[in-house]
Structure formats: C-alpha cells, structure tokens
Amino acid sequence: MNTEFVNTSSRAFSRISKLAMPLLVGALISVASVSAFAQAPQKVAVLDMSAALFNSDKAKAVDEQLKTETSEDEQKIRNLAEEGRKLQEKMQKDGAVMSDADKRKIEDQLQEINVQYQYLVQKIQKLLEDRRQQFQQTYAPNLIQAITAVVEEESYDMVLRAEAVLHYTGTFDITAKVTEKLNKQ
C-alpha cells in the first residue's frame, strides 16, 4: 500500500473537515430551527382588506347612492355614444355621395360628441374615485376593529395581505369573516 497517498489523503480530509465543520454545524442549526417552527402549530390567515371593506353593507349603500347621483350623466353618455354611432354609420353609408362641407360638418359633430363624452366619463370616474377614497378613510378604523376582532376570536398567529400571497386555499381566507364583523358594527 502506498503510504504517501494515505498521508496526503488524510491531510486533505483534515483540511476539508476544518472548512466543512462550520457549514455542517450551521446546516444542523438551520434544520433544528425549521423543525422547531414546524412543530409549533401556527395559525395563519389571508385577508383581502379592500374586498372586506368594499363588500360591506355600508359600501354597497354608498355605491347605490352614487349610482343614483350619476345616473343622469350615465344616460347622457349612452345618448352621446348612440348619437356618435349613428353619425358614423351615416358617414360610412352616404360618405361617397356627400359634399366635403357635409363631411366636415359630421366630423365636427363627431369631435364635439367625443369631447362631451370624454368630459362626462372623466367626471364620473373622478367622483367615483373621490367617494371611494373618502369611504376608505372614513371606515378604515372600523375595518381595523373588525380585523382585530376576527384575529382575536380565531386566535390567528399571523394574517397576511392577499396581495402579498402567491397562492392560498380558501380555508385560509378570512375576508368574509371580516366583512361580516363590519356589517355588525
């Protein structure tokens, strides 16, 4: 047997052991801490705060009130869209036989309809956005109270925002429970 090879091998093994020992100890500590965490049962929930708030009865009432307020403008939008569609059809159907002046007149009408349409759409969107933000600010404390009540009643260790979770099953979702608490307030 070649003793030189054995001496070289044992020196190399000794050097590797000295380098690998801290890594091995670190790996063992990591495994031990992971298994300790796994042994302690953790109750985790997922919550879509926005859905909990905006599915509440109060939010639905505000939404109905807003629909009533904007119904007149929404009807104007539908009328403008219909008027614009009719003018476009007329342009396609009779465009070949129309004078240039008539074509310009219809194009000007279409442009004016588009301006009015865009104005009304933006007006409604702004109103909806403002009311949504106002509602959110007004009822945020109620939402926090409802979340706290559900977490305490169900003894959750951790609640994650639904937007931050890649995948979860419905059994972890407490959104409906929070909405129910909001409705009882």
N, C-alpha and C. Protein backbone atom coordinates (compact mmCIF):
# COMPACT_ATOMS: atom_id res chain seq x y z
N MET A 1 0.85 -1.18 0.00
CA MET A 1 0.00 0.00 0.00
C MET A 1 0.88 1.23 0.00
N ASN A 2 0.47 2.24 -0.69
CA ASN A 2 1.27 3.45 -0.83
C ASN A 2 0.96 4.38 0.34
N THR A 3 1.90 4.55 1.26
CA THR A 3 1.70 5.36 2.46
C THR A 3 1.66 6.84 2.14
N GLU A 4 2.34 7.21 1.09
CA GLU A 4 2.35 8.62 0.72
C GLU A 4 0.94 9.08 0.34
N PHE A 5 0.21 8.24 -0.41
CA PHE A 5 -1.16 8.56 -0.80
C PHE A 5 -2.07 8.66 0.43
N VAL A 6 -1.92 7.77 1.39
CA VAL A 6 -2.73 7.77 2.59
C VAL A 6 -2.47 9.03 3.40
N ASN A 7 -1.21 9.44 3.57
CA ASN A 7 -0.87 10.64 4.33
C ASN A 7 -1.44 11.88 3.64
N THR A 8 -1.33 11.95 2.34
CA THR A 8 -1.86 13.09 1.59
C THR A 8 -3.38 13.13 1.69
N SER A 9 -3.99 11.99 1.60
CA SER A 9 -5.45 11.90 1.69
C SER A 9 -5.94 12.33 3.06
N SER A 10 -5.26 11.88 4.12
CA SER A 10 -5.74 12.24 5.45
C SER A 10 -5.49 13.71 5.73
N ARG A 11 -4.42 14.31 5.19
CA ARG A 11 -4.22 15.75 5.37
C ARG A 11 -5.30 16.53 4.61
N ALA A 12 -5.63 16.10 3.42
CA ALA A 12 -6.66 16.77 2.63
C ALA A 12 -8.02 16.65 3.33
N PHE A 13 -8.29 15.45 3.87
CA PHE A 13 -9.54 15.25 4.59
C PHE A 13 -9.60 16.13 5.83
N SER A 14 -8.47 16.29 6.49
CA SER A 14 -8.40 17.13 7.69
C SER A 14 -8.69 18.58 7.33
N ARG A 15 -8.12 19.07 6.22
CA ARG A 15 -8.37 20.45 5.79
C ARG A 15 -9.83 20.64 5.41
N ILE A 16 -10.38 19.68 4.69
CA ILE A 16 -11.79 19.75 4.27
C ILE A 16 -12.68 19.72 5.50
N SER A 17 -12.34 18.88 6.47
CA SER A 17 -13.14 18.78 7.68
C SER A 17 -13.16 20.10 8.42
N LYS A 18 -12.01 20.77 8.48
CA LYS A 18 -11.94 22.05 9.19
C LYS A 18 -12.79 23.11 8.48
N LEU A 19 -12.83 23.06 7.16
CA LEU A 19 -13.63 24.02 6.41
C LEU A 19 -15.12 23.66 6.45
N ALA A 20 -15.41 22.39 6.39
CA ALA A 20 -16.80 21.96 6.30
C ALA A 20 -17.51 21.93 7.64
N MET A 21 -16.76 21.84 8.73
CA MET A 21 -17.38 21.73 10.04
C MET A 21 -18.30 22.92 10.36
N PRO A 22 -17.87 24.17 10.15
CA PRO A 22 -18.79 25.28 10.43
C PRO A 22 -20.04 25.23 9.54
N LEU A 23 -19.87 24.81 8.30
CA LEU A 23 -21.02 24.70 7.40
C LEU A 23 -21.98 23.62 7.88
N LEU A 24 -21.42 22.50 8.33
CA LEU A 24 -22.24 21.41 8.83
C LEU A 24 -22.99 21.83 10.09
N VAL A 25 -22.32 22.52 10.99
CA VAL A 25 -22.96 23.00 12.22
C VAL A 25 -24.08 23.99 11.87
N GLY A 26 -23.79 24.90 10.95
CA GLY A 26 -24.81 25.87 10.52
C GLY A 26 -26.02 25.18 9.91
N ALA A 27 -25.78 24.16 9.10
CA ALA A 27 -26.88 23.42 8.48
C ALA A 27 -27.71 22.71 9.53
N LEU A 28 -27.06 22.13 10.51
CA LEU A 28 -27.78 21.43 11.58
C LEU A 28 -28.63 22.41 12.40
N ILE A 29 -28.09 23.58 12.69
CA ILE A 29 -28.84 24.59 13.43
C ILE A 29 -30.07 25.03 12.62
N SER A 30 -29.87 25.23 11.31
CA SER A 30 -30.99 25.63 10.45
C SER A 30 -32.08 24.57 10.43
N VAL A 31 -31.68 23.31 10.30
CA VAL A 31 -32.65 22.22 10.28
C VAL A 31 -33.38 22.15 11.61
N ALA A 32 -32.64 22.32 12.70
CA ALA A 32 -33.27 22.26 14.02
C ALA A 32 -34.26 23.38 14.21
N SER A 33 -33.92 24.60 13.76
CA SER A 33 -34.85 25.71 13.94
C SER A 33 -36.06 25.57 13.05
N VAL A 34 -35.89 25.05 11.84
CA VAL A 34 -37.02 24.83 10.94
C VAL A 34 -37.94 23.78 11.53
N SER A 35 -37.36 22.69 12.06
CA SER A 35 -38.23 21.67 12.62
C SER A 35 -38.90 22.15 13.90
N ALA A 36 -38.26 23.02 14.65
CA ALA A 36 -38.91 23.58 15.84
C ALA A 36 -40.10 24.44 15.43
N PHE A 37 -39.93 25.23 14.35
CA PHE A 37 -41.02 26.06 13.84
C PHE A 37 -42.15 25.17 13.31
N ALA A 38 -41.76 24.09 12.62
CA ALA A 38 -42.76 23.19 12.06
C ALA A 38 -43.54 22.48 13.16
N GLN A 39 -42.91 22.22 14.30
CA GLN A 39 -43.59 21.53 15.37
C GLN A 39 -44.57 22.44 16.10
N ALA A 40 -44.27 23.72 16.17
CA ALA A 40 -45.17 24.66 16.83
C ALA A 40 -46.26 25.04 15.82
N PRO A 41 -47.49 24.61 16.03
CA PRO A 41 -48.54 24.91 15.06
C PRO A 41 -48.80 26.42 14.98
N GLN A 42 -48.81 26.91 13.77
CA GLN A 42 -49.04 28.32 13.53
C GLN A 42 -50.38 28.46 12.82
N LYS A 43 -51.21 29.34 13.29
CA LYS A 43 -52.50 29.58 12.66
C LYS A 43 -52.35 30.83 11.79
N VAL A 44 -52.42 30.62 10.49
CA VAL A 44 -52.18 31.69 9.52
C VAL A 44 -53.46 31.96 8.74
N ALA A 45 -53.70 33.23 8.45
CA ALA A 45 -54.87 33.63 7.66
C ALA A 45 -54.44 34.59 6.56
N VAL A 46 -55.29 34.69 5.55
CA VAL A 46 -55.07 35.61 4.44
C VAL A 46 -56.28 36.52 4.37
N LEU A 47 -56.03 37.81 4.14
CA LEU A 47 -57.11 38.80 4.12
C LEU A 47 -56.96 39.76 2.95
N ASP A 48 -58.04 39.94 2.22
CA ASP A 48 -58.11 40.97 1.18
C ASP A 48 -58.85 42.15 1.81
N MET A 49 -58.09 43.11 2.33
CA MET A 49 -58.67 44.22 3.08
C MET A 49 -59.64 45.04 2.23
N SER A 50 -59.27 45.28 1.00
CA SER A 50 -60.10 46.09 0.12
C SER A 50 -61.44 45.39 -0.13
N ALA A 51 -61.40 44.10 -0.41
CA ALA A 51 -62.64 43.35 -0.64
C ALA A 51 -63.49 43.32 0.63
N ALA A 52 -62.85 43.15 1.77
CA ALA A 52 -63.60 43.12 3.04
C ALA A 52 -64.34 44.44 3.25
N LEU A 53 -63.67 45.54 2.97
CA LEU A 53 -64.27 46.86 3.17
C LEU A 53 -65.36 47.15 2.14
N PHE A 54 -65.05 46.93 0.86
CA PHE A 54 -65.97 47.34 -0.19
C PHE A 54 -67.09 46.34 -0.46
N ASN A 55 -67.06 45.18 0.19
CA ASN A 55 -68.18 44.24 0.11
C ASN A 55 -69.12 44.40 1.30
N SER A 56 -68.81 45.34 2.16
CA SER A 56 -69.66 45.57 3.34
C SER A 56 -70.98 46.22 2.94
N ASP A 57 -71.94 46.11 3.83
CA ASP A 57 -73.26 46.70 3.57
C ASP A 57 -73.16 48.22 3.43
N LYS A 58 -72.31 48.86 4.23
CA LYS A 58 -72.14 50.32 4.15
C LYS A 58 -71.60 50.74 2.79
N ALA A 59 -70.66 49.97 2.29
CA ALA A 59 -70.07 50.28 0.97
C ALA A 59 -71.12 50.10 -0.13
N LYS A 60 -71.92 49.06 0.00
CA LYS A 60 -72.98 48.83 -1.01
C LYS A 60 -74.00 49.96 -0.99
N ALA A 61 -74.32 50.48 0.20
CA ALA A 61 -75.27 51.60 0.30
C ALA A 61 -74.69 52.86 -0.34
N VAL A 62 -73.41 53.12 -0.10
CA VAL A 62 -72.76 54.27 -0.71
C VAL A 62 -72.71 54.11 -2.23
N ASP A 63 -72.47 52.89 -2.68
CA ASP A 63 -72.43 52.61 -4.11
C ASP A 63 -73.79 52.86 -4.76
N GLU A 64 -74.86 52.45 -4.10
CA GLU A 64 -76.21 52.69 -4.63
C GLU A 64 -76.52 54.19 -4.69
N GLN A 65 -76.11 54.91 -3.66
CA GLN A 65 -76.32 56.36 -3.63
C GLN A 65 -75.55 57.02 -4.78
N LEU A 66 -74.36 56.56 -5.03
CA LEU A 66 -73.53 57.10 -6.10
C LEU A 66 -74.13 56.79 -7.47
N LYS A 67 -74.70 55.61 -7.62
CA LYS A 67 -75.35 55.26 -8.89
C LYS A 67 -76.53 56.20 -9.16
N THR A 68 -77.25 56.53 -8.10
CA THR A 68 -78.38 57.45 -8.24
C THR A 68 -77.89 58.84 -8.66
N GLU A 69 -76.81 59.29 -8.02
CA GLU A 69 -76.25 60.61 -8.33
C GLU A 69 -75.72 60.70 -9.75
N THR A 70 -75.16 59.62 -10.26
CA THR A 70 -74.52 59.66 -11.58
C THR A 70 -75.42 59.14 -12.70
N SER A 71 -76.63 58.73 -12.38
CA SER A 71 -77.49 58.12 -13.41
C SER A 71 -77.79 59.08 -14.56
N GLU A 72 -77.98 60.34 -14.25
CA GLU A 72 -78.28 61.32 -15.31
C GLU A 72 -77.09 61.46 -16.27
N ASP A 73 -75.88 61.57 -15.70
CA ASP A 73 -74.68 61.68 -16.55
C ASP A 73 -74.44 60.38 -17.33
N GLU A 74 -74.72 59.24 -16.70
CA GLU A 74 -74.56 57.97 -17.41
C GLU A 74 -75.53 57.86 -18.58
N GLN A 75 -76.74 58.37 -18.41
CA GLN A 75 -77.70 58.38 -19.51
C GLN A 75 -77.22 59.30 -20.63
N LYS A 76 -76.65 60.45 -20.27
CA LYS A 76 -76.10 61.36 -21.28
C LYS A 76 -74.97 60.67 -22.05
N ILE A 77 -74.14 59.91 -21.35
CA ILE A 77 -73.04 59.19 -22.00
C ILE A 77 -73.60 58.18 -23.00
N ARG A 78 -74.62 57.43 -22.60
CA ARG A 78 -75.23 56.45 -23.51
C ARG A 78 -75.83 57.16 -24.73
N ASN A 79 -76.50 58.30 -24.51
CA ASN A 79 -77.08 59.05 -25.63
C ASN A 79 -76.01 59.57 -26.58
N LEU A 80 -74.92 60.09 -26.02
CA LEU A 80 -73.83 60.58 -26.87
C LEU A 80 -73.21 59.45 -27.68
N ALA A 81 -73.04 58.29 -27.06
CA ALA A 81 -72.48 57.14 -27.78
C ALA A 81 -73.39 56.72 -28.93
N GLU A 82 -74.68 56.70 -28.67
CA GLU A 82 -75.64 56.34 -29.72
C GLU A 82 -75.65 57.38 -30.84
N GLU A 83 -75.63 58.65 -30.48
CA GLU A 83 -75.59 59.72 -31.49
C GLU A 83 -74.32 59.62 -32.34
N GLY A 84 -73.21 59.36 -31.70
CA GLY A 84 -71.95 59.21 -32.43
C GLY A 84 -71.97 58.01 -33.36
N ARG A 85 -72.53 56.89 -32.89
CA ARG A 85 -72.64 55.69 -33.72
C ARG A 85 -73.49 55.96 -34.96
N LYS A 86 -74.60 56.67 -34.79
CA LYS A 86 -75.48 56.98 -35.92
C LYS A 86 -74.77 57.88 -36.94
N LEU A 87 -74.03 58.88 -36.44
CA LEU A 87 -73.30 59.76 -37.36
C LEU A 87 -72.21 58.99 -38.12
N GLN A 88 -71.54 58.07 -37.45
CA GLN A 88 -70.52 57.27 -38.13
C GLN A 88 -71.15 56.37 -39.19
N GLU A 89 -72.29 55.79 -38.87
CA GLU A 89 -73.00 54.96 -39.85
C GLU A 89 -73.41 55.79 -41.06
N LYS A 90 -73.91 56.99 -40.79
CA LYS A 90 -74.31 57.88 -41.88
C LYS A 90 -73.11 58.22 -42.76
N MET A 91 -71.98 58.47 -42.13
CA MET A 91 -70.76 58.82 -42.86
C MET A 91 -70.31 57.64 -43.73
N GLN A 92 -70.40 56.43 -43.20
CA GLN A 92 -70.00 55.25 -43.96
C GLN A 92 -70.97 54.98 -45.11
N LYS A 93 -72.24 55.14 -44.81
CA LYS A 93 -73.27 54.83 -45.80
C LYS A 93 -73.32 55.87 -46.92
N ASP A 94 -73.31 57.16 -46.55
CA ASP A 94 -73.52 58.23 -47.52
C ASP A 94 -72.25 59.01 -47.84
N GLY A 95 -71.13 58.62 -47.26
CA GLY A 95 -69.89 59.38 -47.42
C GLY A 95 -69.45 59.57 -48.86
N ALA A 96 -69.69 58.58 -49.69
CA ALA A 96 -69.26 58.66 -51.08
C ALA A 96 -70.03 59.72 -51.86
N VAL A 97 -71.25 60.02 -51.47
CA VAL A 97 -72.07 60.98 -52.20
C VAL A 97 -72.20 62.32 -51.48
N MET A 98 -71.60 62.46 -50.31
CA MET A 98 -71.68 63.70 -49.53
C MET A 98 -70.71 64.74 -50.06
N SER A 99 -71.10 65.97 -49.87
CA SER A 99 -70.18 67.06 -50.22
C SER A 99 -69.11 67.16 -49.13
N ASP A 100 -68.01 67.81 -49.46
CA ASP A 100 -66.94 67.99 -48.49
C ASP A 100 -67.42 68.79 -47.28
N ALA A 101 -68.29 69.75 -47.50
CA ALA A 101 -68.83 70.57 -46.41
C ALA A 101 -69.67 69.70 -45.46
N ASP A 102 -70.47 68.79 -46.02
CA ASP A 102 -71.28 67.91 -45.18
C ASP A 102 -70.40 66.94 -44.39
N LYS A 103 -69.35 66.46 -45.03
CA LYS A 103 -68.42 65.56 -44.33
C LYS A 103 -67.74 66.29 -43.17
N ARG A 104 -67.29 67.52 -43.41
CA ARG A 104 -66.65 68.31 -42.34
C ARG A 104 -67.63 68.57 -41.20
N LYS A 105 -68.89 68.84 -41.57
CA LYS A 105 -69.91 69.11 -40.55
C LYS A 105 -70.09 67.87 -39.65
N ILE A 106 -70.19 66.69 -40.24
CA ILE A 106 -70.35 65.46 -39.46
C ILE A 106 -69.09 65.18 -38.63
N GLU A 107 -67.92 65.39 -39.22
CA GLU A 107 -66.67 65.19 -38.47
C GLU A 107 -66.59 66.15 -37.28
N ASP A 108 -67.01 67.39 -37.47
CA ASP A 108 -67.04 68.36 -36.36
C ASP A 108 -68.03 67.92 -35.28
N GLN A 109 -69.19 67.41 -35.71
CA GLN A 109 -70.17 66.92 -34.74
C GLN A 109 -69.61 65.72 -33.95
N LEU A 110 -68.94 64.82 -34.67
CA LEU A 110 -68.34 63.66 -34.01
C LEU A 110 -67.27 64.10 -33.01
N GLN A 111 -66.51 65.08 -33.38
CA GLN A 111 -65.47 65.57 -32.48
C GLN A 111 -66.09 66.21 -31.23
N GLU A 112 -67.15 66.99 -31.42
CA GLU A 112 -67.83 67.62 -30.29
C GLU A 112 -68.47 66.56 -29.38
N ILE A 113 -69.06 65.55 -29.98
CA ILE A 113 -69.63 64.45 -29.20
C ILE A 113 -68.54 63.75 -28.39
N ASN A 114 -67.41 63.53 -29.01
CA ASN A 114 -66.29 62.87 -28.32
C ASN A 114 -65.80 63.70 -27.14
N VAL A 115 -65.72 65.02 -27.30
CA VAL A 115 -65.28 65.90 -26.22
C VAL A 115 -66.27 65.81 -25.05
N GLN A 116 -67.55 65.90 -25.35
CA GLN A 116 -68.57 65.81 -24.30
C GLN A 116 -68.55 64.44 -23.61
N TYR A 117 -68.41 63.41 -24.42
CA TYR A 117 -68.36 62.04 -23.90
C TYR A 117 -67.19 61.89 -22.93
N GLN A 118 -65.99 62.30 -23.36
CA GLN A 118 -64.80 62.19 -22.51
C GLN A 118 -64.94 62.99 -21.22
N TYR A 119 -65.51 64.19 -21.33
CA TYR A 119 -65.71 65.03 -20.15
C TYR A 119 -66.60 64.32 -19.12
N LEU A 120 -67.73 63.77 -19.59
CA LEU A 120 -68.66 63.11 -18.67
C LEU A 120 -68.06 61.85 -18.06
N VAL A 121 -67.34 61.08 -18.86
CA VAL A 121 -66.70 59.86 -18.35
C VAL A 121 -65.69 60.23 -17.26
N GLN A 122 -64.87 61.23 -17.53
CA GLN A 122 -63.87 61.66 -16.55
C GLN A 122 -64.53 62.22 -15.28
N LYS A 123 -65.62 62.94 -15.46
CA LYS A 123 -66.35 63.49 -14.31
C LYS A 123 -66.84 62.37 -13.40
N ILE A 124 -67.43 61.33 -13.99
CA ILE A 124 -67.93 60.21 -13.20
C ILE A 124 -66.78 59.44 -12.55
N GLN A 125 -65.72 59.21 -13.30
CA GLN A 125 -64.57 58.48 -12.75
C GLN A 125 -63.96 59.23 -11.57
N LYS A 126 -63.85 60.54 -11.69
CA LYS A 126 -63.29 61.36 -10.61
C LYS A 126 -64.19 61.29 -9.37
N LEU A 127 -65.49 61.40 -9.59
CA LEU A 127 -66.44 61.31 -8.48
C LEU A 127 -66.34 59.95 -7.79
N LEU A 128 -66.31 58.88 -8.58
CA LEU A 128 -66.19 57.53 -8.02
C LEU A 128 -64.90 57.38 -7.22
N GLU A 129 -63.81 57.85 -7.78
CA GLU A 129 -62.51 57.76 -7.11
C GLU A 129 -62.50 58.55 -5.80
N ASP A 130 -63.05 59.76 -5.84
CA ASP A 130 -63.11 60.59 -4.63
C ASP A 130 -63.96 59.94 -3.54
N ARG A 131 -65.12 59.44 -3.93
CA ARG A 131 -66.01 58.81 -2.95
C ARG A 131 -65.40 57.53 -2.38
N ARG A 132 -64.73 56.77 -3.22
CA ARG A 132 -64.09 55.53 -2.77
C ARG A 132 -63.00 55.85 -1.74
N GLN A 133 -62.20 56.86 -2.05
CA GLN A 133 -61.13 57.26 -1.14
C GLN A 133 -61.72 57.81 0.17
N GLN A 134 -62.74 58.60 0.06
CA GLN A 134 -63.40 59.17 1.25
C GLN A 134 -63.99 58.05 2.11
N PHE A 135 -64.63 57.08 1.48
CA PHE A 135 -65.20 55.95 2.21
C PHE A 135 -64.10 55.16 2.91
N GLN A 136 -63.03 54.93 2.19
CA GLN A 136 -61.91 54.16 2.75
C GLN A 136 -61.33 54.86 3.98
N GLN A 137 -61.16 56.16 3.90
CA GLN A 137 -60.61 56.91 5.04
C GLN A 137 -61.59 56.93 6.21
N THR A 138 -62.86 57.07 5.91
CA THR A 138 -63.87 57.14 6.97
C THR A 138 -64.01 55.81 7.71
N TYR A 139 -63.99 54.71 6.98
CA TYR A 139 -64.27 53.41 7.59
C TYR A 139 -63.02 52.57 7.87
N ALA A 140 -61.83 53.12 7.66
CA ALA A 140 -60.60 52.39 7.98
C ALA A 140 -60.54 51.97 9.46
N PRO A 141 -60.90 52.85 10.40
CA PRO A 141 -60.89 52.42 11.81
C PRO A 141 -61.86 51.25 12.07
N ASN A 142 -63.01 51.27 11.43
CA ASN A 142 -63.97 50.17 11.59
C ASN A 142 -63.39 48.87 11.04
N LEU A 143 -62.69 48.99 9.91
CA LEU A 143 -62.05 47.81 9.30
C LEU A 143 -61.01 47.23 10.25
N ILE A 144 -60.20 48.08 10.84
CA ILE A 144 -59.15 47.63 11.77
C ILE A 144 -59.80 46.94 12.97
N GLN A 145 -60.88 47.50 13.48
CA GLN A 145 -61.59 46.88 14.61
C GLN A 145 -62.13 45.50 14.23
N ALA A 146 -62.69 45.39 13.05
CA ALA A 146 -63.23 44.11 12.60
C ALA A 146 -62.12 43.07 12.42
N ILE A 147 -61.01 43.49 11.85
CA ILE A 147 -59.87 42.58 11.68
C ILE A 147 -59.38 42.11 13.03
N THR A 148 -59.20 43.05 13.94
CA THR A 148 -58.72 42.72 15.28
C THR A 148 -59.66 41.73 15.97
N ALA A 149 -60.95 41.97 15.86
CA ALA A 149 -61.94 41.08 16.49
C ALA A 149 -61.84 39.66 15.93
N VAL A 150 -61.76 39.53 14.62
CA VAL A 150 -61.67 38.21 14.00
C VAL A 150 -60.37 37.51 14.40
N VAL A 151 -59.26 38.25 14.38
CA VAL A 151 -57.96 37.67 14.74
C VAL A 151 -57.98 37.19 16.19
N GLU A 152 -58.54 37.97 17.08
CA GLU A 152 -58.59 37.57 18.49
C GLU A 152 -59.55 36.41 18.72
N GLU A 153 -60.71 36.44 18.09
CA GLU A 153 -61.68 35.36 18.27
C GLU A 153 -61.16 34.03 17.74
N GLU A 154 -60.46 34.08 16.62
CA GLU A 154 -59.98 32.86 15.97
C GLU A 154 -58.55 32.49 16.37
N SER A 155 -57.91 33.34 17.16
CA SER A 155 -56.53 33.11 17.65
C SER A 155 -55.52 32.90 16.52
N TYR A 156 -55.52 33.80 15.56
CA TYR A 156 -54.56 33.72 14.47
C TYR A 156 -53.20 34.23 14.94
N ASP A 157 -52.14 33.52 14.52
CA ASP A 157 -50.78 33.93 14.84
C ASP A 157 -50.27 34.95 13.81
N MET A 158 -50.78 34.83 12.59
CA MET A 158 -50.30 35.68 11.52
C MET A 158 -51.41 35.90 10.49
N VAL A 159 -51.56 37.15 10.04
CA VAL A 159 -52.50 37.47 8.98
C VAL A 159 -51.71 38.15 7.86
N LEU A 160 -51.82 37.58 6.67
CA LEU A 160 -51.10 38.11 5.51
C LEU A 160 -52.09 38.79 4.57
N ARG A 161 -51.61 39.84 3.92
CA ARG A 161 -52.44 40.52 2.91
C ARG A 161 -52.52 39.62 1.68
N ALA A 162 -53.70 39.48 1.14
CA ALA A 162 -53.91 38.61 -0.02
C ALA A 162 -53.04 39.03 -1.21
N GLU A 163 -52.79 40.32 -1.34
CA GLU A 163 -51.99 40.82 -2.46
C GLU A 163 -50.54 40.34 -2.38
N ALA A 164 -50.09 39.98 -1.18
CA ALA A 164 -48.70 39.57 -0.99
C ALA A 164 -48.51 38.06 -1.05
N VAL A 165 -49.59 37.32 -1.15
CA VAL A 165 -49.52 35.86 -1.14
C VAL A 165 -49.69 35.35 -2.56
N LEU A 166 -48.76 34.50 -2.98
CA LEU A 166 -48.83 33.97 -4.34
C LEU A 166 -49.95 32.95 -4.51
N HIS A 167 -50.14 32.11 -3.50
CA HIS A 167 -51.16 31.07 -3.60
C HIS A 167 -51.66 30.71 -2.21
N TYR A 168 -52.94 30.51 -2.10
CA TYR A 168 -53.53 30.03 -0.85
C TYR A 168 -54.88 29.41 -1.17
N THR A 169 -55.31 28.54 -0.28
CA THR A 169 -56.63 27.94 -0.45
C THR A 169 -57.65 28.78 0.32
N GLY A 170 -58.89 28.57 0.01
CA GLY A 170 -59.96 29.33 0.64
C GLY A 170 -60.05 29.13 2.14
N THR A 171 -59.49 28.05 2.65
CA THR A 171 -59.56 27.80 4.09
C THR A 171 -58.77 28.82 4.89
N PHE A 172 -57.81 29.47 4.27
CA PHE A 172 -57.01 30.48 4.95
C PHE A 172 -57.63 31.88 4.87
N ASP A 173 -58.60 32.06 3.98
CA ASP A 173 -59.16 33.39 3.70
C ASP A 173 -60.18 33.80 4.76
N ILE A 174 -59.92 34.93 5.43
CA ILE A 174 -60.84 35.42 6.46
C ILE A 174 -61.57 36.69 6.00
N THR A 175 -61.51 36.99 4.73
CA THR A 175 -62.12 38.21 4.20
C THR A 175 -63.62 38.27 4.51
N ALA A 176 -64.32 37.19 4.27
CA ALA A 176 -65.78 37.17 4.51
C ALA A 176 -66.09 37.36 6.00
N LYS A 177 -65.27 36.78 6.86
CA LYS A 177 -65.49 36.94 8.31
C LYS A 177 -65.31 38.40 8.72
N VAL A 178 -64.32 39.07 8.14
CA VAL A 178 -64.08 40.47 8.47
C VAL A 178 -65.23 41.33 7.95
N THR A 179 -65.71 41.04 6.75
CA THR A 179 -66.86 41.77 6.20
C THR A 179 -68.08 41.58 7.09
N GLU A 180 -68.28 40.36 7.56
CA GLU A 180 -69.41 40.08 8.45
C GLU A 180 -69.31 40.91 9.73
N LYS A 181 -68.11 41.01 10.29
CA LYS A 181 -67.90 41.83 11.50
C LYS A 181 -68.19 43.30 11.20
N LEU A 182 -67.74 43.77 10.04
CA LEU A 182 -68.00 45.17 9.65
C LEU A 182 -69.51 45.42 9.58
N ASN A 183 -70.24 44.47 9.03
CA ASN A 183 -71.69 44.63 8.88
C ASN A 183 -72.40 44.67 10.23
N LYS A 184 -71.82 44.04 11.24
CA LYS A 184 -72.43 44.02 12.57
C LYS A 184 -72.14 45.28 13.37
N GLN A 185 -71.18 46.07 12.92
CA GLN A 185 -70.82 47.30 13.66
C GLN A 185 -71.86 48.39 13.46
